[in-house]
């Protein structure tokens, strides 16, 4: 019996020693052979922040869609005999698209008001059509740098001897879109406006239905050469006030949310000015005198 009690006590002691070795707070943990995680900073560059997506949208589509008013010689018109769209603004737009690496696709309206409305509605990417970058447009739209200067003139009936300056328009009716720059110039001198394109306005002047029409000098000159039978004349040339030179400049207009595309087009336009493309195109359509007097080509 004593031997049996001695064996039982010995087994109990062995068990206590085993538990102390496995569970004691002061025991050394078994080595962990699992590789330690890499605590060094991740050297992989973070992805660049995405823009508004407008430039990529055009690149993915493979085309730049452009809104403009047609029947505006020598800016936007159909070449006689071919029907091909051509003109100063058309060539500007095509060159911008080419330097973007995409095709130019045009959406032409018969008069001005639907042009900006189409841009607002998202029917095309931009408007390139002699649009001046006046402050209210810069607030409402993304505006590119200017690529041309286009002075305005006042046209009247060839027999009119009363209207010889813009100041004489007060209380008179001008055939111009109220929302256009030309129409707003007429309104600034007290004129009322009735919507009409160049051809319609000239007909209205010829028949005495309106007193005046404000338009681009080159466009009026071209019309008078083509239609000497229409009895109209240039009465005055518009002179912008100091600090308002933008009134005779032309820039591209895009929706406010398409700033990334606008910035890229501005970059391209500046290249076109710097490498002489815009100057040479101005010489082609308007002559060296106009090109040499264009201030934005001298900067």
C-alpha atoms as a PDB file:
ATOM      1  CA  UNK A   1       0.000   0.000   0.000  1.00  0.00           C
ATOM      2  CA  UNK A   2       2.830   2.384   0.750  1.00  0.00           C
ATOM      3  CA  UNK A   3       4.384   1.749  -2.639  1.00  0.00           C
ATOM      4  CA  UNK A   4       1.091   2.468  -4.367  1.00  0.00           C
ATOM      5  CA  UNK A   5       0.668   5.792  -2.494  1.00  0.00           C
ATOM      6  CA  UNK A   6       4.243   6.734  -3.381  1.00  0.00           C
ATOM      7  CA  UNK A   7       3.671   6.140  -7.120  1.00  0.00           C
ATOM      8  CA  UNK A   8       0.462   8.211  -7.038  1.00  0.00           C
ATOM      9  CA  UNK A   9       2.255  11.142  -5.365  1.00  0.00           C
ATOM     10  CA  UNK A  10       5.081  10.978  -7.895  1.00  0.00           C
ATOM     11  CA  UNK A  11       2.645  11.121 -10.858  1.00  0.00           C
ATOM     12  CA  UNK A  12       0.876  14.119  -9.303  1.00  0.00           C
ATOM     13  CA  UNK A  13       4.206  15.984  -8.969  1.00  0.00           C
ATOM     14  CA  UNK A  14       5.122  15.295 -12.602  1.00  0.00           C
ATOM     15  CA  UNK A  15       1.728  16.606 -13.742  1.00  0.00           C
ATOM     16  CA  UNK A  16       2.125  19.856 -11.724  1.00  0.00           C
ATOM     17  CA  UNK A  17       5.594  20.479 -13.159  1.00  0.00           C
ATOM     18  CA  UNK A  18       4.287  19.947 -16.733  1.00  0.00           C
ATOM     19  CA  UNK A  19       1.460  22.457 -16.264  1.00  0.00           C
ATOM     20  CA  UNK A  20       3.858  25.055 -14.876  1.00  0.00           C
ATOM     21  CA  UNK A  21       6.159  24.667 -17.881  1.00  0.00           C
ATOM     22  CA  UNK A  22       3.302  25.065 -20.451  1.00  0.00           C
ATOM     23  CA  UNK A  23       1.114  27.780 -18.878  1.00  0.00           C
ATOM     24  CA  UNK A  24       3.248  29.928 -16.618  1.00  0.00           C
ATOM     25  CA  UNK A  25       3.286  33.680 -17.191  1.00  0.00           C
ATOM     26  CA  UNK A  26       7.092  33.778 -17.070  1.00  0.00           C
ATOM     27  CA  UNK A  27       7.608  31.124 -19.716  1.00  0.00           C
ATOM     28  CA  UNK A  28       9.443  31.915 -22.986  1.00  0.00           C
ATOM     29  CA  UNK A  29       7.170  31.517 -26.028  1.00  0.00           C
ATOM     30  CA  UNK A  30       8.159  29.117 -28.733  1.00  0.00           C
ATOM     31  CA  UNK A  31       9.895  30.784 -31.688  1.00  0.00           C
ATOM     32  CA  UNK A  32       7.529  31.873 -34.518  1.00  0.00           C
ATOM     33  CA  UNK A  33       8.960  30.993 -37.938  1.00  0.00           C
ATOM     34  CA  UNK A  34       6.292  33.000 -39.859  1.00  0.00           C
ATOM     35  CA  UNK A  35       7.981  35.833 -41.871  1.00  0.00           C
ATOM     36  CA  UNK A  36       7.391  39.274 -40.335  1.00  0.00           C
ATOM     37  CA  UNK A  37       5.247  41.630 -42.413  1.00  0.00           C
ATOM     38  CA  UNK A  38       7.075  44.330 -44.443  1.00  0.00           C
ATOM     39  CA  UNK A  39       6.794  47.503 -42.435  1.00  0.00           C
ATOM     40  CA  UNK A  40       8.607  49.687 -45.017  1.00  0.00           C
ATOM     41  CA  UNK A  41       6.512  52.419 -46.750  1.00  0.00           C
ATOM     42  CA  UNK A  42       4.889  51.326 -50.011  1.00  0.00           C
ATOM     43  CA  UNK A  43       7.056  52.718 -52.819  1.00  0.00           C
ATOM     44  CA  UNK A  44       4.370  52.207 -55.474  1.00  0.00           C
ATOM     45  CA  UNK A  45       3.273  55.677 -56.681  1.00  0.00           C
ATOM     46  CA  UNK A  46      -0.317  56.588 -55.958  1.00  0.00           C
ATOM     47  CA  UNK A  47      -2.496  56.885 -59.058  1.00  0.00           C
ATOM     48  CA  UNK A  48      -2.723  60.427 -60.405  1.00  0.00           C
ATOM     49  CA  UNK A  49      -5.930  62.273 -59.683  1.00  0.00           C
ATOM     50  CA  UNK A  50      -8.358  62.056 -62.566  1.00  0.00           C
ATOM     51  CA  UNK A  51      -9.559  65.275 -64.248  1.00  0.00           C
ATOM     52  CA  UNK A  52     -13.138  66.023 -65.199  1.00  0.00           C
ATOM     53  CA  UNK A  53     -12.973  63.395 -67.957  1.00  0.00           C
ATOM     54  CA  UNK A  54     -13.828  65.795 -70.796  1.00  0.00           C
ATOM     55  CA  UNK A  55     -10.518  65.428 -72.649  1.00  0.00           C
ATOM     56  CA  UNK A  56     -10.555  61.647 -72.371  1.00  0.00           C
ATOM     57  CA  UNK A  57     -14.170  61.628 -73.579  1.00  0.00           C
ATOM     58  CA  UNK A  58     -13.122  63.318 -76.826  1.00  0.00           C
ATOM     59  CA  UNK A  59     -10.051  61.110 -77.249  1.00  0.00           C
ATOM     60  CA  UNK A  60     -12.117  57.969 -76.695  1.00  0.00           C
ATOM     61  CA  UNK A  61     -14.757  59.150 -79.174  1.00  0.00           C
ATOM     62  CA  UNK A  62     -12.084  59.915 -81.764  1.00  0.00           C
ATOM     63  CA  UNK A  63     -13.771  63.189 -82.697  1.00  0.00           C
ATOM     64  CA  UNK A  64     -14.224  66.770 -81.534  1.00  0.00           C
ATOM     65  CA  UNK A  65     -17.780  67.957 -82.157  1.00  0.00           C
ATOM     66  CA  UNK A  66     -18.167  71.646 -82.970  1.00  0.00           C
ATOM     67  CA  UNK A  67     -21.193  73.927 -83.073  1.00  0.00           C
ATOM     68  CA  UNK A  68     -21.253  76.942 -85.412  1.00  0.00           C
ATOM     69  CA  UNK A  69     -23.518  79.246 -87.400  1.00  0.00           C
ATOM     70  CA  UNK A  70     -23.394  78.664 -91.159  1.00  0.00           C
ATOM     71  CA  UNK A  71     -23.868  80.969 -94.146  1.00  0.00           C
ATOM     72  CA  UNK A  72     -21.180  83.264 -92.736  1.00  0.00           C
ATOM     73  CA  UNK A  73     -18.629  83.939 -95.465  1.00  0.00           C
ATOM     74  CA  UNK A  74     -15.620  83.831 -95.090  1.00  0.00           C
ATOM     75  CA  UNK A  75     -15.862  82.161 -91.677  1.00  0.00           C
ATOM     76  CA  UNK A  76     -18.266  79.210 -91.934  1.00  0.00           C
ATOM     77  CA  UNK A  77     -19.829  78.392 -95.296  1.00  0.00           C
ATOM     78  CA  UNK A  78     -20.220  75.751 -97.978  1.00  0.00           C
ATOM     79  CA  UNK A  79     -17.804  75.903-100.880  1.00  0.00           C
ATOM     80  CA  UNK A  80     -19.638  76.595-104.143  1.00  0.00           C
ATOM     81  CA  UNK A  81     -19.790  73.559-106.373  1.00  0.00           C
ATOM     82  CA  UNK A  82     -18.568  71.095-103.752  1.00  0.00           C
ATOM     83  CA  UNK A  83     -20.835  71.686-100.784  1.00  0.00           C
ATOM     84  CA  UNK A  84     -17.791  71.169 -98.537  1.00  0.00           C
ATOM     85  CA  UNK A  85     -17.802  73.161 -95.315  1.00  0.00           C
ATOM     86  CA  UNK A  86     -14.948  75.653 -95.237  1.00  0.00           C
ATOM     87  CA  UNK A  87     -13.929  79.076 -93.917  1.00  0.00           C
ATOM     88  CA  UNK A  88     -11.593  80.629 -91.362  1.00  0.00           C
ATOM     89  CA  UNK A  89     -13.405  79.237 -88.298  1.00  0.00           C
ATOM     90  CA  UNK A  90     -13.753  75.819 -89.934  1.00  0.00           C
ATOM     91  CA  UNK A  91     -10.012  75.620 -90.589  1.00  0.00           C
ATOM     92  CA  UNK A  92      -9.248  76.732 -87.032  1.00  0.00           C
ATOM     93  CA  UNK A  93     -11.508  73.987 -85.664  1.00  0.00           C
ATOM     94  CA  UNK A  94     -10.086  71.328 -87.985  1.00  0.00           C
ATOM     95  CA  UNK A  95      -6.529  72.187 -86.968  1.00  0.00           C
ATOM     96  CA  UNK A  96      -7.398  71.990 -83.266  1.00  0.00           C
ATOM     97  CA  UNK A  97      -8.948  68.562 -83.812  1.00  0.00           C
ATOM     98  CA  UNK A  98      -5.961  67.376 -85.870  1.00  0.00           C
ATOM     99  CA  UNK A  99      -3.522  68.395 -83.134  1.00  0.00           C
ATOM    100  CA  UNK A 100      -5.699  66.567 -80.619  1.00  0.00           C
ATOM    101  CA  UNK A 101      -5.410  63.501 -82.827  1.00  0.00           C
ATOM    102  CA  UNK A 102      -9.148  63.268 -83.574  1.00  0.00           C
ATOM    103  CA  UNK A 103     -11.574  64.152 -86.368  1.00  0.00           C
ATOM    104  CA  UNK A 104     -13.583  67.381 -86.488  1.00  0.00           C
ATOM    105  CA  UNK A 105     -17.364  66.959 -86.705  1.00  0.00           C
ATOM    106  CA  UNK A 106     -19.541  70.050 -87.272  1.00  0.00           C
ATOM    107  CA  UNK A 107     -23.087  70.820 -86.209  1.00  0.00           C
ATOM    108  CA  UNK A 108     -24.266  73.871 -88.180  1.00  0.00           C
ATOM    109  CA  UNK A 109     -27.240  76.116 -87.329  1.00  0.00           C
ATOM    110  CA  UNK A 110     -28.924  78.655 -89.611  1.00  0.00           C
ATOM    111  CA  UNK A 111     -28.723  81.454 -87.030  1.00  0.00           C
ATOM    112  CA  UNK A 112     -26.871  82.260 -83.824  1.00  0.00           C
ATOM    113  CA  UNK A 113     -29.242  81.633 -80.907  1.00  0.00           C
ATOM    114  CA  UNK A 114     -29.455  77.834 -81.346  1.00  0.00           C
ATOM    115  CA  UNK A 115     -25.658  77.557 -81.387  1.00  0.00           C
ATOM    116  CA  UNK A 116     -25.065  78.272 -77.693  1.00  0.00           C
ATOM    117  CA  UNK A 117     -28.303  76.490 -76.783  1.00  0.00           C
ATOM    118  CA  UNK A 118     -26.920  73.374 -78.459  1.00  0.00           C
ATOM    119  CA  UNK A 119     -23.753  73.635 -76.382  1.00  0.00           C
ATOM    120  CA  UNK A 120     -25.827  73.955 -73.204  1.00  0.00           C
ATOM    121  CA  UNK A 121     -27.791  70.862 -74.219  1.00  0.00           C
ATOM    122  CA  UNK A 122     -24.603  68.842 -74.776  1.00  0.00           C
ATOM    123  CA  UNK A 123     -25.114  68.319 -78.514  1.00  0.00           C
ATOM    124  CA  UNK A 124     -21.433  69.078 -79.174  1.00  0.00           C
ATOM    125  CA  UNK A 125     -18.191  69.625 -77.302  1.00  0.00           C
ATOM    126  CA  UNK A 126     -17.485  73.254 -78.136  1.00  0.00           C
ATOM    127  CA  UNK A 127     -18.451  76.321 -80.164  1.00  0.00           C
ATOM    128  CA  UNK A 128     -15.867  77.775 -82.545  1.00  0.00           C
ATOM    129  CA  UNK A 129     -17.592  80.542 -84.449  1.00  0.00           C
ATOM    130  CA  UNK A 130     -16.125  83.979 -83.809  1.00  0.00           C
ATOM    131  CA  UNK A 131     -17.374  83.987 -80.211  1.00  0.00           C
ATOM    132  CA  UNK A 132     -15.912  86.814 -78.168  1.00  0.00           C
ATOM    133  CA  UNK A 133     -14.824  86.067 -74.584  1.00  0.00           C
ATOM    134  CA  UNK A 134     -16.792  88.768 -72.806  1.00  0.00           C
ATOM    135  CA  UNK A 135     -16.961  88.548 -68.988  1.00  0.00           C
ATOM    136  CA  UNK A 136     -20.500  87.142 -68.770  1.00  0.00           C
ATOM    137  CA  UNK A 137     -19.510  84.279 -71.059  1.00  0.00           C
ATOM    138  CA  UNK A 138     -16.395  83.595 -69.029  1.00  0.00           C
ATOM    139  CA  UNK A 139     -18.600  83.275 -65.952  1.00  0.00           C
ATOM    140  CA  UNK A 140     -21.023  80.871 -67.610  1.00  0.00           C
ATOM    141  CA  UNK A 141     -18.668  78.827 -69.817  1.00  0.00           C
ATOM    142  CA  UNK A 142     -15.160  77.430 -70.028  1.00  0.00           C
ATOM    143  CA  UNK A 143     -13.374  79.799 -72.407  1.00  0.00           C
ATOM    144  CA  UNK A 144     -10.186  79.153 -74.374  1.00  0.00           C
ATOM    145  CA  UNK A 145      -7.479  81.681 -75.145  1.00  0.00           C
ATOM    146  CA  UNK A 146      -8.329  83.900 -78.121  1.00  0.00           C
ATOM    147  CA  UNK A 147      -7.176  82.879 -81.596  1.00  0.00           C
ATOM    148  CA  UNK A 148      -8.286  85.872 -83.746  1.00  0.00           C
ATOM    149  CA  UNK A 149      -9.477  89.472 -83.760  1.00  0.00           C
ATOM    150  CA  UNK A 150     -12.546  90.470 -85.746  1.00  0.00           C
ATOM    151  CA  UNK A 151     -13.580  94.139 -85.820  1.00  0.00           C
ATOM    152  CA  UNK A 152     -17.292  94.952 -86.179  1.00  0.00           C
ATOM    153  CA  UNK A 153     -18.951  97.486 -88.437  1.00  0.00           C
ATOM    154  CA  UNK A 154     -22.367  99.124 -88.782  1.00  0.00           C
ATOM    155  CA  UNK A 155     -24.147  98.548 -92.098  1.00  0.00           C
ATOM    156  CA  UNK A 156     -27.025 100.718 -93.336  1.00  0.00           C
ATOM    157  CA  UNK A 157     -29.026 101.181 -96.505  1.00  0.00           C
ATOM    158  CA  UNK A 158     -26.916 102.664 -99.292  1.00  0.00           C
ATOM    159  CA  UNK A 159     -29.168 105.747 -99.499  1.00  0.00           C
ATOM    160  CA  UNK A 160     -29.221 106.419 -95.745  1.00  0.00           C
ATOM    161  CA  UNK A 161     -27.633 109.779 -94.866  1.00  0.00           C
ATOM    162  CA  UNK A 162     -28.878 109.998 -91.270  1.00  0.00           C
ATOM    163  CA  UNK A 163     -26.991 107.111 -89.657  1.00  0.00           C
ATOM    164  CA  UNK A 164     -23.261 107.753 -89.845  1.00  0.00           C
ATOM    165  CA  UNK A 165     -22.124 106.413 -86.451  1.00  0.00           C
ATOM    166  CA  UNK A 166     -23.117 103.903 -83.809  1.00  0.00           C
ATOM    167  CA  UNK A 167     -24.453 106.769 -81.710  1.00  0.00           C
ATOM    168  CA  UNK A 168     -27.106 107.359 -84.386  1.00  0.00           C
ATOM    169  CA  UNK A 169     -28.667 103.947 -83.661  1.00  0.00           C
ATOM    170  CA  UNK A 170     -30.597 105.161 -80.620  1.00  0.00           C
ATOM    171  CA  UNK A 171     -34.267 104.232 -81.037  1.00  0.00           C
ATOM    172  CA  UNK A 172     -33.585 102.461 -84.370  1.00  0.00           C
ATOM    173  CA  UNK A 173     -34.174  98.807 -85.300  1.00  0.00           C
ATOM    174  CA  UNK A 174     -31.161  96.606 -86.079  1.00  0.00           C
ATOM    175  CA  UNK A 175     -31.342  93.166 -87.690  1.00  0.00           C
ATOM    176  CA  UNK A 176     -29.232  91.238 -85.167  1.00  0.00           C
ATOM    177  CA  UNK A 177     -29.727  88.402 -82.721  1.00  0.00           C
ATOM    178  CA  UNK A 178     -30.360  90.010 -79.290  1.00  0.00           C
ATOM    179  CA  UNK A 179     -28.017  87.520 -77.597  1.00  0.00           C
ATOM    180  CA  UNK A 180     -25.125  87.912 -80.044  1.00  0.00           C
ATOM    181  CA  UNK A 181     -22.188  90.231 -79.467  1.00  0.00           C
ATOM    182  CA  UNK A 182     -23.168  92.255 -82.525  1.00  0.00           C
ATOM    183  CA  UNK A 183     -26.720  92.598 -81.221  1.00  0.00           C
ATOM    184  CA  UNK A 184     -25.500  93.650 -77.792  1.00  0.00           C
ATOM    185  CA  UNK A 185     -23.227  96.261 -79.359  1.00  0.00           C
ATOM    186  CA  UNK A 186     -26.264  97.681 -81.169  1.00  0.00           C
ATOM    187  CA  UNK A 187     -28.296  97.593 -77.950  1.00  0.00           C
ATOM    188  CA  UNK A 188     -25.541  99.406 -76.063  1.00  0.00           C
ATOM    189  CA  UNK A 189     -26.146 102.373 -78.374  1.00  0.00           C
ATOM    190  CA  UNK A 190     -29.896 102.336 -77.759  1.00  0.00           C
ATOM    191  CA  UNK A 191     -31.017 100.241 -80.729  1.00  0.00           C
ATOM    192  CA  UNK A 192     -33.738  97.590 -80.695  1.00  0.00           C
ATOM    193  CA  UNK A 193     -32.872  94.240 -82.257  1.00  0.00           C
ATOM    194  CA  UNK A 194     -34.691  91.727 -84.454  1.00  0.00           C
ATOM    195  CA  UNK A 195     -33.097  88.334 -85.063  1.00  0.00           C
ATOM    196  CA  UNK A 196     -31.569  87.785 -88.519  1.00  0.00           C
ATOM    197  CA  UNK A 197     -28.477  86.235 -90.080  1.00  0.00           C
ATOM    198  CA  UNK A 198     -26.187  88.172 -92.430  1.00  0.00           C
ATOM    199  CA  UNK A 199     -28.086  87.361 -95.627  1.00  0.00           C
ATOM    200  CA  UNK A 200     -31.484  88.109 -94.104  1.00  0.00           C
ATOM    201  CA  UNK A 201     -30.242  91.330 -92.523  1.00  0.00           C
ATOM    202  CA  UNK A 202     -28.862  92.612 -95.827  1.00  0.00           C
ATOM    203  CA  UNK A 203     -32.178  91.937 -97.524  1.00  0.00           C
ATOM    204  CA  UNK A 204     -34.029  93.771 -94.754  1.00  0.00           C
ATOM    205  CA  UNK A 205     -31.675  96.744 -95.104  1.00  0.00           C
ATOM    206  CA  UNK A 206     -32.038  96.746 -98.855  1.00  0.00           C
ATOM    207  CA  UNK A 207     -35.821  96.963 -98.601  1.00  0.00           C
ATOM    208  CA  UNK A 208     -35.828  99.457 -95.726  1.00  0.00           C
ATOM    209  CA  UNK A 209     -37.387  97.182 -93.117  1.00  0.00           C
ATOM    210  CA  UNK A 210     -34.585  97.830 -90.591  1.00  0.00           C
ATOM    211  CA  UNK A 211     -32.226 100.747 -90.027  1.00  0.00           C
ATOM    212  CA  UNK A 212     -28.972  98.889 -89.421  1.00  0.00           C
ATOM    213  CA  UNK A 213     -27.040  95.684 -89.022  1.00  0.00           C
ATOM    214  CA  UNK A 214     -23.859  95.064 -87.014  1.00  0.00           C
ATOM    215  CA  UNK A 215     -21.487  92.381 -88.233  1.00  0.00           C
ATOM    216  CA  UNK A 216     -17.891  91.447 -88.785  1.00  0.00           C
ATOM    217  CA  UNK A 217     -16.056  93.741 -91.224  1.00  0.00           C
ATOM    218  CA  UNK A 218     -14.600  90.881 -93.263  1.00  0.00           C
ATOM    219  CA  UNK A 219     -17.971  89.146 -93.555  1.00  0.00           C
ATOM    220  CA  UNK A 220     -19.657  92.356 -94.702  1.00  0.00           C
ATOM    221  CA  UNK A 221     -16.873  93.093 -97.198  1.00  0.00           C
ATOM    222  CA  UNK A 222     -17.184  89.609 -98.651  1.00  0.00           C
ATOM    223  CA  UNK A 223     -20.958  89.895 -98.928  1.00  0.00           C
ATOM    224  CA  UNK A 224     -20.767  93.255-100.674  1.00  0.00           C
ATOM    225  CA  UNK A 225     -18.278  91.856-103.197  1.00  0.00           C
ATOM    226  CA  UNK A 226     -20.538  88.884-103.924  1.00  0.00           C
ATOM    227  CA  UNK A 227     -23.764  90.920-104.006  1.00  0.00           C
ATOM    228  CA  UNK A 228     -23.089  94.367-105.472  1.00  0.00           C
ATOM    229  CA  UNK A 229     -26.764  94.519-106.451  1.00  0.00           C
ATOM    230  CA  UNK A 230     -27.776  94.860-102.771  1.00  0.00           C
ATOM    231  CA  UNK A 231     -27.905  98.556-101.853  1.00  0.00           C
ATOM    232  CA  UNK A 232     -26.004  98.669 -98.533  1.00  0.00           C
ATOM    233  CA  UNK A 233     -22.899 100.403 -97.197  1.00  0.00           C
ATOM    234  CA  UNK A 234     -20.639 100.473 -94.140  1.00  0.00           C
ATOM    235  CA  UNK A 235     -21.434 103.532 -92.034  1.00  0.00           C
ATOM    236  CA  UNK A 236     -18.975 103.093 -89.134  1.00  0.00           C
ATOM    237  CA  UNK A 237     -16.354 100.784 -87.597  1.00  0.00           C
ATOM    238  CA  UNK A 238     -16.812  99.747 -83.964  1.00  0.00           C
ATOM    239  CA  UNK A 239     -13.999 100.817 -81.632  1.00  0.00           C
ATOM    240  CA  UNK A 240     -13.984  98.928 -78.316  1.00  0.00           C
ATOM    241  CA  UNK A 241     -13.360 100.954 -75.185  1.00  0.00           C
ATOM    242  CA  UNK A 242     -10.043 100.612 -73.384  1.00  0.00           C
ATOM    243  CA  UNK A 243     -10.033  97.388 -71.434  1.00  0.00           C
ATOM    244  CA  UNK A 244     -12.782  95.901 -73.611  1.00  0.00           C
ATOM    245  CA  UNK A 245     -10.581  94.654 -76.440  1.00  0.00           C
ATOM    246  CA  UNK A 246     -12.105  91.219 -75.873  1.00  0.00           C
ATOM    247  CA  UNK A 247     -15.147  92.539 -77.759  1.00  0.00           C
ATOM    248  CA  UNK A 248     -13.323  92.000 -81.061  1.00  0.00           C
ATOM    249  CA  UNK A 249     -11.522  88.772 -80.104  1.00  0.00           C
ATOM    250  CA  UNK A 250     -12.610  85.232 -80.919  1.00  0.00           C
ATOM    251  CA  UNK A 251     -12.238  82.255 -78.561  1.00  0.00           C
ATOM    252  CA  UNK A 252     -13.632  78.760 -78.163  1.00  0.00           C
ATOM    253  CA  UNK A 253     -16.534  78.148 -75.765  1.00  0.00           C
ATOM    254  CA  UNK A 254     -17.146  74.920 -73.845  1.00  0.00           C
ATOM    255  CA  UNK A 255     -19.411  73.874 -70.997  1.00  0.00           C
ATOM    256  CA  UNK A 256     -18.189  74.941 -67.564  1.00  0.00           C
ATOM    257  CA  UNK A 257     -17.640  71.343 -66.487  1.00  0.00           C
ATOM    258  CA  UNK A 258     -15.304  70.618 -69.424  1.00  0.00           C
ATOM    259  CA  UNK A 259     -12.345  72.626 -68.127  1.00  0.00           C
ATOM    260  CA  UNK A 260      -9.806  69.887 -68.823  1.00  0.00           C
ATOM    261  CA  UNK A 261     -10.728  69.838 -72.518  1.00  0.00           C
ATOM    262  CA  UNK A 262     -10.783  73.640 -72.565  1.00  0.00           C
ATOM    263  CA  UNK A 263      -7.258  73.816 -71.115  1.00  0.00           C
ATOM    264  CA  UNK A 264      -5.950  71.391 -73.735  1.00  0.00           C
ATOM    265  CA  UNK A 265      -7.567  73.342 -76.582  1.00  0.00           C
ATOM    266  CA  UNK A 266      -6.073  76.560 -75.167  1.00  0.00           C
ATOM    267  CA  UNK A 267      -2.659  74.906 -75.168  1.00  0.00           C
ATOM    268  CA  UNK A 268      -3.141  73.905 -78.809  1.00  0.00           C
ATOM    269  CA  UNK A 269      -4.373  77.373 -79.825  1.00  0.00           C
ATOM    270  CA  UNK A 270      -1.301  78.945 -78.232  1.00  0.00           C
ATOM    271  CA  UNK A 271       0.870  76.540 -80.245  1.00  0.00           C
ATOM    272  CA  UNK A 272      -1.032  77.564 -83.394  1.00  0.00           C
ATOM    273  CA  UNK A 273      -0.308  81.221 -82.626  1.00  0.00           C
ATOM    274  CA  UNK A 274       3.343  80.605 -81.719  1.00  0.00           C
ATOM    275  CA  UNK A 275       4.150  78.532 -84.815  1.00  0.00           C
ATOM    276  CA  UNK A 276       2.422  81.014 -87.157  1.00  0.00           C
ATOM    277  CA  UNK A 277      -0.563  78.894 -88.179  1.00  0.00           C
ATOM    278  CA  UNK A 278      -3.136  81.495 -87.105  1.00  0.00           C
ATOM    279  CA  UNK A 279      -1.182  84.326 -88.711  1.00  0.00           C
ATOM    280  CA  UNK A 280      -0.876  82.472 -92.024  1.00  0.00           C
ATOM    281  CA  UNK A 281      -4.566  81.558 -91.978  1.00  0.00           C
ATOM    282  CA  UNK A 282      -5.479  85.197 -91.347  1.00  0.00           C
ATOM    283  CA  UNK A 283      -3.332  86.224 -94.326  1.00  0.00           C
ATOM    284  CA  UNK A 284      -5.089  83.603 -96.466  1.00  0.00           C
ATOM    285  CA  UNK A 285      -8.586  84.871 -95.668  1.00  0.00           C
ATOM    286  CA  UNK A 286      -8.104  88.565 -94.844  1.00  0.00           C
ATOM    287  CA  UNK A 287      -4.684  89.675 -96.083  1.00  0.00           C
ATOM    288  CA  UNK A 288      -1.409  90.743 -94.499  1.00  0.00           C
ATOM    289  CA  UNK A 289      -2.725  94.097 -93.275  1.00  0.00           C
ATOM    290  CA  UNK A 290      -5.259  92.423 -90.995  1.00  0.00           C
ATOM    291  CA  UNK A 291      -2.777  89.747 -89.879  1.00  0.00           C
ATOM    292  CA  UNK A 292      -0.095  92.331 -89.049  1.00  0.00           C
ATOM    293  CA  UNK A 293      -2.562  94.430 -87.061  1.00  0.00           C
ATOM    294  CA  UNK A 294      -3.813  91.515 -84.948  1.00  0.00           C
ATOM    295  CA  UNK A 295      -2.419  92.277 -81.496  1.00  0.00           C
ATOM    296  CA  UNK A 296      -2.637  88.735 -80.102  1.00  0.00           C
ATOM    297  CA  UNK A 297      -0.185  87.565 -82.787  1.00  0.00           C
ATOM    298  CA  UNK A 298       2.382  90.079 -81.523  1.00  0.00           C
ATOM    299  CA  UNK A 299       2.548  88.872 -77.914  1.00  0.00           C
END
